[in-house]
Amino acid sequence: MGTHTKSTKRARGREVVTWLIVVTVLLIVTIVGNYCYRDYHCLCLRALAVVIIALAGWWAIVTAKGKSFIQFAREARNEVRKLIWPTYQETFHATLIVIAVTTVISLILWGLDGLLVRVVSFIHSLRLSDV
């Protein structure tokens, strides 16, 4: 039982170190790249950045957390496939309702704005006539 705990702690420690290395490398590459190469628009540098990001992603996926993330993404994709999506007609009607409500609210706000402008102008004109 003691050896299993030690090996589990060791594996967990390796995984933490792996994630720290991935994050640190990405941060350093990003900061140095933005500082040194901000004036260059070379296609080679952009390709190198894509390769570095791909390698960091691959390195992150090989960890246990990365594998669990991939499993989660697969399960989420399967759940999305099970959804019942609205028909074209339902989507069209919902869009028309949103447009109508937006128009009505816009007209109400426009009317309130005009009313408030008139009230403030009236109060302002009263104040100027007293001076």
N, C-alpha and C. Protein backbone atom coordinates (compact mmCIF):
# COMPACT_ATOMS: atom_id res chain seq x y z
N MET A 1 0.82 -1.19 0.00
CA MET A 1 0.00 0.00 0.00
C MET A 1 0.87 1.25 0.00
N GLY A 2 1.98 1.22 0.67
CA GLY A 2 2.87 2.37 0.72
C GLY A 2 3.50 2.67 -0.63
N THR A 3 3.86 1.62 -1.39
CA THR A 3 4.47 1.84 -2.70
C THR A 3 3.47 2.42 -3.69
N HIS A 4 2.23 1.97 -3.61
CA HIS A 4 1.22 2.51 -4.52
C HIS A 4 1.01 4.00 -4.28
N THR A 5 1.01 4.40 -3.02
CA THR A 5 0.85 5.81 -2.69
C THR A 5 2.03 6.62 -3.20
N LYS A 6 3.24 6.06 -3.04
CA LYS A 6 4.43 6.77 -3.51
C LYS A 6 4.42 6.91 -5.02
N SER A 7 4.05 5.84 -5.74
CA SER A 7 4.04 5.93 -7.20
C SER A 7 2.94 6.87 -7.68
N THR A 8 1.81 6.89 -6.98
CA THR A 8 0.73 7.81 -7.35
C THR A 8 1.17 9.25 -7.12
N LYS A 9 1.82 9.49 -6.00
CA LYS A 9 2.31 10.85 -5.72
C LYS A 9 3.38 11.25 -6.74
N ARG A 10 4.23 10.29 -7.11
CA ARG A 10 5.27 10.58 -8.07
C ARG A 10 4.66 10.90 -9.44
N ALA A 11 3.66 10.12 -9.85
CA ALA A 11 3.00 10.37 -11.14
C ALA A 11 2.28 11.71 -11.12
N ARG A 12 1.64 12.02 -10.00
CA ARG A 12 0.96 13.31 -9.87
C ARG A 12 1.97 14.45 -9.92
N GLY A 13 3.10 14.26 -9.27
CA GLY A 13 4.15 15.28 -9.30
C GLY A 13 4.68 15.50 -10.71
N ARG A 14 4.87 14.39 -11.46
CA ARG A 14 5.32 14.52 -12.84
C ARG A 14 4.30 15.27 -13.69
N GLU A 15 3.04 14.99 -13.44
CA GLU A 15 2.00 15.66 -14.23
C GLU A 15 1.96 17.16 -13.92
N VAL A 16 2.10 17.51 -12.66
CA VAL A 16 2.12 18.93 -12.30
C VAL A 16 3.31 19.62 -12.95
N VAL A 17 4.46 18.97 -12.91
CA VAL A 17 5.65 19.54 -13.54
C VAL A 17 5.45 19.67 -15.04
N THR A 18 4.83 18.68 -15.66
CA THR A 18 4.57 18.75 -17.11
C THR A 18 3.69 19.94 -17.45
N TRP A 19 2.61 20.12 -16.71
CA TRP A 19 1.72 21.26 -16.97
C TRP A 19 2.44 22.59 -16.74
N LEU A 20 3.23 22.66 -15.68
CA LEU A 20 3.98 23.89 -15.43
C LEU A 20 4.96 24.19 -16.57
N ILE A 21 5.61 23.16 -17.07
CA ILE A 21 6.54 23.35 -18.18
C ILE A 21 5.80 23.83 -19.42
N VAL A 22 4.67 23.21 -19.73
CA VAL A 22 3.89 23.60 -20.92
C VAL A 22 3.46 25.06 -20.81
N VAL A 23 2.89 25.43 -19.68
CA VAL A 23 2.42 26.80 -19.51
C VAL A 23 3.58 27.78 -19.54
N THR A 24 4.68 27.45 -18.87
CA THR A 24 5.84 28.34 -18.84
C THR A 24 6.43 28.52 -20.23
N VAL A 25 6.58 27.44 -20.96
CA VAL A 25 7.14 27.54 -22.32
C VAL A 25 6.24 28.39 -23.21
N LEU A 26 4.94 28.18 -23.14
CA LEU A 26 4.03 28.98 -23.95
C LEU A 26 4.09 30.46 -23.58
N LEU A 27 4.14 30.75 -22.29
CA LEU A 27 4.23 32.15 -21.87
C LEU A 27 5.53 32.79 -22.33
N ILE A 28 6.63 32.09 -22.14
CA ILE A 28 7.93 32.64 -22.54
C ILE A 28 7.99 32.85 -24.04
N VAL A 29 7.54 31.86 -24.81
CA VAL A 29 7.56 31.99 -26.27
C VAL A 29 6.67 33.15 -26.71
N THR A 30 5.52 33.30 -26.09
CA THR A 30 4.61 34.39 -26.45
C THR A 30 5.22 35.75 -26.14
N ILE A 31 5.76 35.90 -24.95
CA ILE A 31 6.33 37.19 -24.55
C ILE A 31 7.54 37.54 -25.40
N VAL A 32 8.46 36.60 -25.54
CA VAL A 32 9.67 36.86 -26.33
C VAL A 32 9.31 37.09 -27.79
N GLY A 33 8.41 36.28 -28.32
CA GLY A 33 8.00 36.44 -29.71
C GLY A 33 7.36 37.79 -29.97
N ASN A 34 6.48 38.22 -29.08
CA ASN A 34 5.84 39.52 -29.27
C ASN A 34 6.83 40.67 -29.12
N TYR A 35 7.80 40.51 -28.24
CA TYR A 35 8.76 41.58 -28.02
C TYR A 35 9.77 41.67 -29.17
N CYS A 36 10.32 40.54 -29.57
CA CYS A 36 11.40 40.55 -30.57
C CYS A 36 10.91 40.66 -32.01
N TYR A 37 9.76 40.08 -32.30
CA TYR A 37 9.34 39.97 -33.69
C TYR A 37 8.08 40.76 -34.01
N ARG A 38 7.79 41.81 -33.28
CA ARG A 38 6.55 42.56 -33.53
C ARG A 38 6.57 43.31 -34.85
N ASP A 39 7.75 43.62 -35.38
CA ASP A 39 7.83 44.37 -36.64
C ASP A 39 7.98 43.47 -37.86
N TYR A 40 8.16 42.17 -37.64
CA TYR A 40 8.36 41.23 -38.76
C TYR A 40 7.04 40.55 -39.10
N HIS A 41 6.82 40.37 -40.39
CA HIS A 41 5.61 39.70 -40.85
C HIS A 41 5.98 38.50 -41.71
N CYS A 42 6.91 37.72 -41.21
CA CYS A 42 7.43 36.59 -41.97
C CYS A 42 6.51 35.37 -41.81
N LEU A 43 6.26 34.71 -42.90
CA LEU A 43 5.42 33.51 -42.88
C LEU A 43 6.09 32.38 -42.10
N CYS A 44 7.43 32.34 -42.14
CA CYS A 44 8.16 31.29 -41.43
C CYS A 44 7.95 31.40 -39.92
N LEU A 45 7.95 32.63 -39.40
CA LEU A 45 7.74 32.82 -37.97
C LEU A 45 6.34 32.40 -37.55
N ARG A 46 5.37 32.70 -38.38
CA ARG A 46 4.00 32.30 -38.07
C ARG A 46 3.86 30.78 -38.10
N ALA A 47 4.51 30.14 -39.06
CA ALA A 47 4.48 28.68 -39.14
C ALA A 47 5.17 28.07 -37.92
N LEU A 48 6.27 28.67 -37.49
CA LEU A 48 6.97 28.20 -36.30
C LEU A 48 6.07 28.33 -35.07
N ALA A 49 5.34 29.42 -34.97
CA ALA A 49 4.42 29.61 -33.84
C ALA A 49 3.33 28.54 -33.84
N VAL A 50 2.82 28.22 -35.01
CA VAL A 50 1.79 27.18 -35.11
C VAL A 50 2.36 25.83 -34.68
N VAL A 51 3.59 25.55 -35.08
CA VAL A 51 4.23 24.28 -34.70
C VAL A 51 4.45 24.23 -33.20
N ILE A 52 4.90 25.32 -32.60
CA ILE A 52 5.13 25.35 -31.15
C ILE A 52 3.82 25.16 -30.40
N ILE A 53 2.77 25.82 -30.85
CA ILE A 53 1.47 25.67 -30.18
C ILE A 53 0.96 24.23 -30.34
N ALA A 54 1.15 23.65 -31.51
CA ALA A 54 0.72 22.26 -31.73
C ALA A 54 1.49 21.30 -30.83
N LEU A 55 2.79 21.51 -30.71
CA LEU A 55 3.59 20.66 -29.83
C LEU A 55 3.17 20.81 -28.37
N ALA A 56 2.91 22.04 -27.95
CA ALA A 56 2.46 22.25 -26.57
C ALA A 56 1.11 21.59 -26.34
N GLY A 57 0.22 21.69 -27.32
CA GLY A 57 -1.08 21.03 -27.20
C GLY A 57 -0.94 19.52 -27.13
N TRP A 58 -0.08 18.95 -27.99
CA TRP A 58 0.15 17.51 -27.95
C TRP A 58 0.72 17.10 -26.60
N TRP A 59 1.67 17.90 -26.09
CA TRP A 59 2.30 17.58 -24.82
C TRP A 59 1.29 17.64 -23.69
N ALA A 60 0.37 18.59 -23.76
CA ALA A 60 -0.66 18.70 -22.72
C ALA A 60 -1.65 17.55 -22.81
N ILE A 61 -1.93 17.08 -24.02
CA ILE A 61 -2.92 16.01 -24.19
C ILE A 61 -2.39 14.67 -23.67
N VAL A 62 -1.07 14.48 -23.67
CA VAL A 62 -0.53 13.20 -23.23
C VAL A 62 -0.67 13.01 -21.73
N THR A 63 -0.93 14.06 -20.98
CA THR A 63 -1.10 13.93 -19.54
C THR A 63 -2.48 13.35 -19.23
N ALA A 64 -2.67 12.95 -17.98
CA ALA A 64 -3.95 12.37 -17.58
C ALA A 64 -5.08 13.39 -17.70
N LYS A 65 -4.81 14.63 -17.32
CA LYS A 65 -5.83 15.69 -17.44
C LYS A 65 -6.18 15.92 -18.90
N GLY A 66 -5.18 15.89 -19.76
CA GLY A 66 -5.43 16.07 -21.18
C GLY A 66 -6.28 14.94 -21.74
N LYS A 67 -5.99 13.72 -21.32
CA LYS A 67 -6.78 12.57 -21.78
C LYS A 67 -8.22 12.67 -21.27
N SER A 68 -8.38 13.11 -20.04
CA SER A 68 -9.75 13.26 -19.52
C SER A 68 -10.48 14.39 -20.25
N PHE A 69 -9.76 15.42 -20.67
CA PHE A 69 -10.38 16.49 -21.45
C PHE A 69 -10.85 15.97 -22.80
N ILE A 70 -10.03 15.15 -23.45
CA ILE A 70 -10.40 14.58 -24.74
C ILE A 70 -11.64 13.69 -24.58
N GLN A 71 -11.68 12.91 -23.51
CA GLN A 71 -12.84 12.06 -23.25
C GLN A 71 -14.08 12.93 -23.02
N PHE A 72 -13.93 14.01 -22.28
CA PHE A 72 -15.05 14.93 -22.04
C PHE A 72 -15.54 15.54 -23.35
N ALA A 73 -14.61 15.92 -24.22
CA ALA A 73 -15.00 16.52 -25.50
C ALA A 73 -15.75 15.51 -26.36
N ARG A 74 -15.34 14.26 -26.35
CA ARG A 74 -16.05 13.22 -27.13
C ARG A 74 -17.46 13.01 -26.59
N GLU A 75 -17.58 12.96 -25.26
CA GLU A 75 -18.91 12.79 -24.66
C GLU A 75 -19.80 13.99 -24.96
N ALA A 76 -19.23 15.19 -24.92
CA ALA A 76 -20.01 16.39 -25.23
C ALA A 76 -20.49 16.36 -26.67
N ARG A 77 -19.64 15.92 -27.59
CA ARG A 77 -20.04 15.82 -29.00
C ARG A 77 -21.18 14.82 -29.16
N ASN A 78 -21.12 13.71 -28.44
CA ASN A 78 -22.21 12.73 -28.50
C ASN A 78 -23.51 13.30 -27.95
N GLU A 79 -23.42 14.10 -26.89
CA GLU A 79 -24.63 14.72 -26.33
C GLU A 79 -25.23 15.74 -27.29
N VAL A 80 -24.38 16.47 -27.99
CA VAL A 80 -24.88 17.44 -28.97
C VAL A 80 -25.62 16.72 -30.09
N ARG A 81 -25.14 15.57 -30.47
CA ARG A 81 -25.82 14.79 -31.52
C ARG A 81 -27.20 14.32 -31.07
N LYS A 82 -27.39 14.12 -29.76
CA LYS A 82 -28.68 13.66 -29.24
C LYS A 82 -29.72 14.77 -29.15
N LEU A 83 -29.29 16.02 -29.25
CA LEU A 83 -30.22 17.14 -29.11
C LEU A 83 -31.24 17.15 -30.24
N ILE A 84 -32.40 17.69 -29.92
CA ILE A 84 -33.43 17.89 -30.94
C ILE A 84 -33.37 19.36 -31.30
N TRP A 85 -32.89 19.66 -32.48
CA TRP A 85 -32.72 21.03 -32.91
C TRP A 85 -34.04 21.56 -33.46
N PRO A 86 -34.28 22.88 -33.32
CA PRO A 86 -35.54 23.44 -33.82
C PRO A 86 -35.60 23.40 -35.35
N THR A 87 -36.82 23.35 -35.84
CA THR A 87 -37.00 23.34 -37.29
C THR A 87 -36.78 24.75 -37.83
N TYR A 88 -36.73 24.84 -39.16
CA TYR A 88 -36.55 26.14 -39.80
C TYR A 88 -37.69 27.08 -39.43
N GLN A 89 -38.92 26.55 -39.43
CA GLN A 89 -40.08 27.39 -39.14
C GLN A 89 -40.05 27.90 -37.70
N GLU A 90 -39.68 27.06 -36.75
CA GLU A 90 -39.58 27.49 -35.35
C GLU A 90 -38.51 28.56 -35.19
N THR A 91 -37.39 28.38 -35.84
CA THR A 91 -36.32 29.37 -35.78
C THR A 91 -36.76 30.69 -36.39
N PHE A 92 -37.45 30.62 -37.52
CA PHE A 92 -37.93 31.82 -38.21
C PHE A 92 -38.93 32.57 -37.33
N HIS A 93 -39.87 31.86 -36.70
CA HIS A 93 -40.85 32.52 -35.84
C HIS A 93 -40.19 33.15 -34.61
N ALA A 94 -39.23 32.45 -34.03
CA ALA A 94 -38.53 33.01 -32.87
C ALA A 94 -37.76 34.27 -33.27
N THR A 95 -37.17 34.26 -34.46
CA THR A 95 -36.45 35.44 -34.94
C THR A 95 -37.40 36.61 -35.15
N LEU A 96 -38.57 36.34 -35.72
CA LEU A 96 -39.56 37.41 -35.91
C LEU A 96 -40.02 37.99 -34.58
N ILE A 97 -40.20 37.14 -33.58
CA ILE A 97 -40.60 37.61 -32.25
C ILE A 97 -39.52 38.50 -31.67
N VAL A 98 -38.26 38.10 -31.79
CA VAL A 98 -37.15 38.90 -31.27
C VAL A 98 -37.10 40.26 -31.97
N ILE A 99 -37.29 40.27 -33.29
CA ILE A 99 -37.27 41.53 -34.04
C ILE A 99 -38.42 42.43 -33.60
N ALA A 100 -39.61 41.85 -33.42
CA ALA A 100 -40.78 42.65 -33.01
C ALA A 100 -40.59 43.23 -31.62
N VAL A 101 -40.13 42.43 -30.68
CA VAL A 101 -39.92 42.92 -29.31
C VAL A 101 -38.83 43.98 -29.28
N THR A 102 -37.77 43.79 -30.04
CA THR A 102 -36.70 44.79 -30.10
C THR A 102 -37.22 46.10 -30.66
N THR A 103 -38.05 46.03 -31.69
CA THR A 103 -38.62 47.25 -32.28
C THR A 103 -39.52 47.97 -31.29
N VAL A 104 -40.38 47.24 -30.59
CA VAL A 104 -41.28 47.86 -29.61
C VAL A 104 -40.49 48.51 -28.48
N ILE A 105 -39.51 47.81 -27.94
CA ILE A 105 -38.70 48.37 -26.86
C ILE A 105 -37.93 49.59 -27.35
N SER A 106 -37.43 49.56 -28.58
CA SER A 106 -36.71 50.71 -29.14
C SER A 106 -37.63 51.91 -29.24
N LEU A 107 -38.85 51.71 -29.69
CA LEU A 107 -39.81 52.82 -29.79
C LEU A 107 -40.16 53.38 -28.41
N ILE A 108 -40.31 52.50 -27.43
CA ILE A 108 -40.59 52.97 -26.07
C ILE A 108 -39.42 53.79 -25.55
N LEU A 109 -38.20 53.32 -25.72
CA LEU A 109 -37.03 54.07 -25.26
C LEU A 109 -36.88 55.39 -26.01
N TRP A 110 -37.18 55.41 -27.30
CA TRP A 110 -37.12 56.64 -28.09
C TRP A 110 -38.13 57.66 -27.56
N GLY A 111 -39.34 57.18 -27.25
CA GLY A 111 -40.35 58.08 -26.69
C GLY A 111 -39.96 58.61 -25.33
N LEU A 112 -39.44 57.75 -24.46
CA LEU A 112 -38.99 58.20 -23.14
C LEU A 112 -37.85 59.20 -23.26
N ASP A 113 -36.94 58.96 -24.18
CA ASP A 113 -35.83 59.89 -24.39
C ASP A 113 -36.34 61.25 -24.82
N GLY A 114 -37.27 61.27 -25.77
CA GLY A 114 -37.83 62.55 -26.23
C GLY A 114 -38.55 63.27 -25.11
N LEU A 115 -39.31 62.52 -24.31
CA LEU A 115 -40.02 63.13 -23.18
C LEU A 115 -39.04 63.71 -22.17
N LEU A 116 -38.00 62.97 -21.83
CA LEU A 116 -37.01 63.46 -20.86
C LEU A 116 -36.27 64.68 -21.39
N VAL A 117 -35.97 64.72 -22.68
CA VAL A 117 -35.30 65.88 -23.26
C VAL A 117 -36.20 67.11 -23.13
N ARG A 118 -37.49 66.95 -23.41
CA ARG A 118 -38.42 68.09 -23.30
C ARG A 118 -38.55 68.55 -21.85
N VAL A 119 -38.62 67.61 -20.90
CA VAL A 119 -38.75 67.99 -19.49
C VAL A 119 -37.50 68.73 -19.03
N VAL A 120 -36.33 68.22 -19.38
CA VAL A 120 -35.09 68.88 -18.96
C VAL A 120 -34.97 70.24 -19.63
N SER A 121 -35.35 70.35 -20.89
CA SER A 121 -35.30 71.65 -21.58
C SER A 121 -36.26 72.64 -20.93
N PHE A 122 -37.44 72.18 -20.54
CA PHE A 122 -38.41 73.05 -19.87
C PHE A 122 -37.87 73.55 -18.54
N ILE A 123 -37.31 72.63 -17.75
CA ILE A 123 -36.74 73.02 -16.45
C ILE A 123 -35.58 73.97 -16.65
N HIS A 124 -34.77 73.72 -17.64
CA HIS A 124 -33.62 74.58 -17.92
C HIS A 124 -34.08 75.97 -18.37
N SER A 125 -35.15 76.05 -19.17
CA SER A 125 -35.65 77.36 -19.61
C SER A 125 -36.25 78.13 -18.45
N LEU A 126 -36.88 77.46 -17.49
CA LEU A 126 -37.41 78.14 -16.31
C LEU A 126 -36.28 78.72 -15.48
N ARG A 127 -35.21 77.99 -15.37
CA ARG A 127 -34.08 78.43 -14.57
C ARG A 127 -33.41 79.64 -15.23
N LEU A 128 -33.31 79.65 -16.55
CA LEU A 128 -32.68 80.77 -17.24
C LEU A 128 -33.54 82.03 -17.17
N SER A 129 -34.86 81.87 -17.18
CA SER A 129 -35.72 83.05 -17.15
C SER A 129 -35.72 83.71 -15.78
N ASP A 130 -35.41 82.97 -14.72
CA ASP A 130 -35.37 83.54 -13.38
C ASP A 130 -34.10 84.35 -13.16
N VAL A 131 -33.05 84.08 -13.86
CA VAL A 131 -31.77 84.75 -13.64
C VAL A 131 -31.74 86.06 -14.27
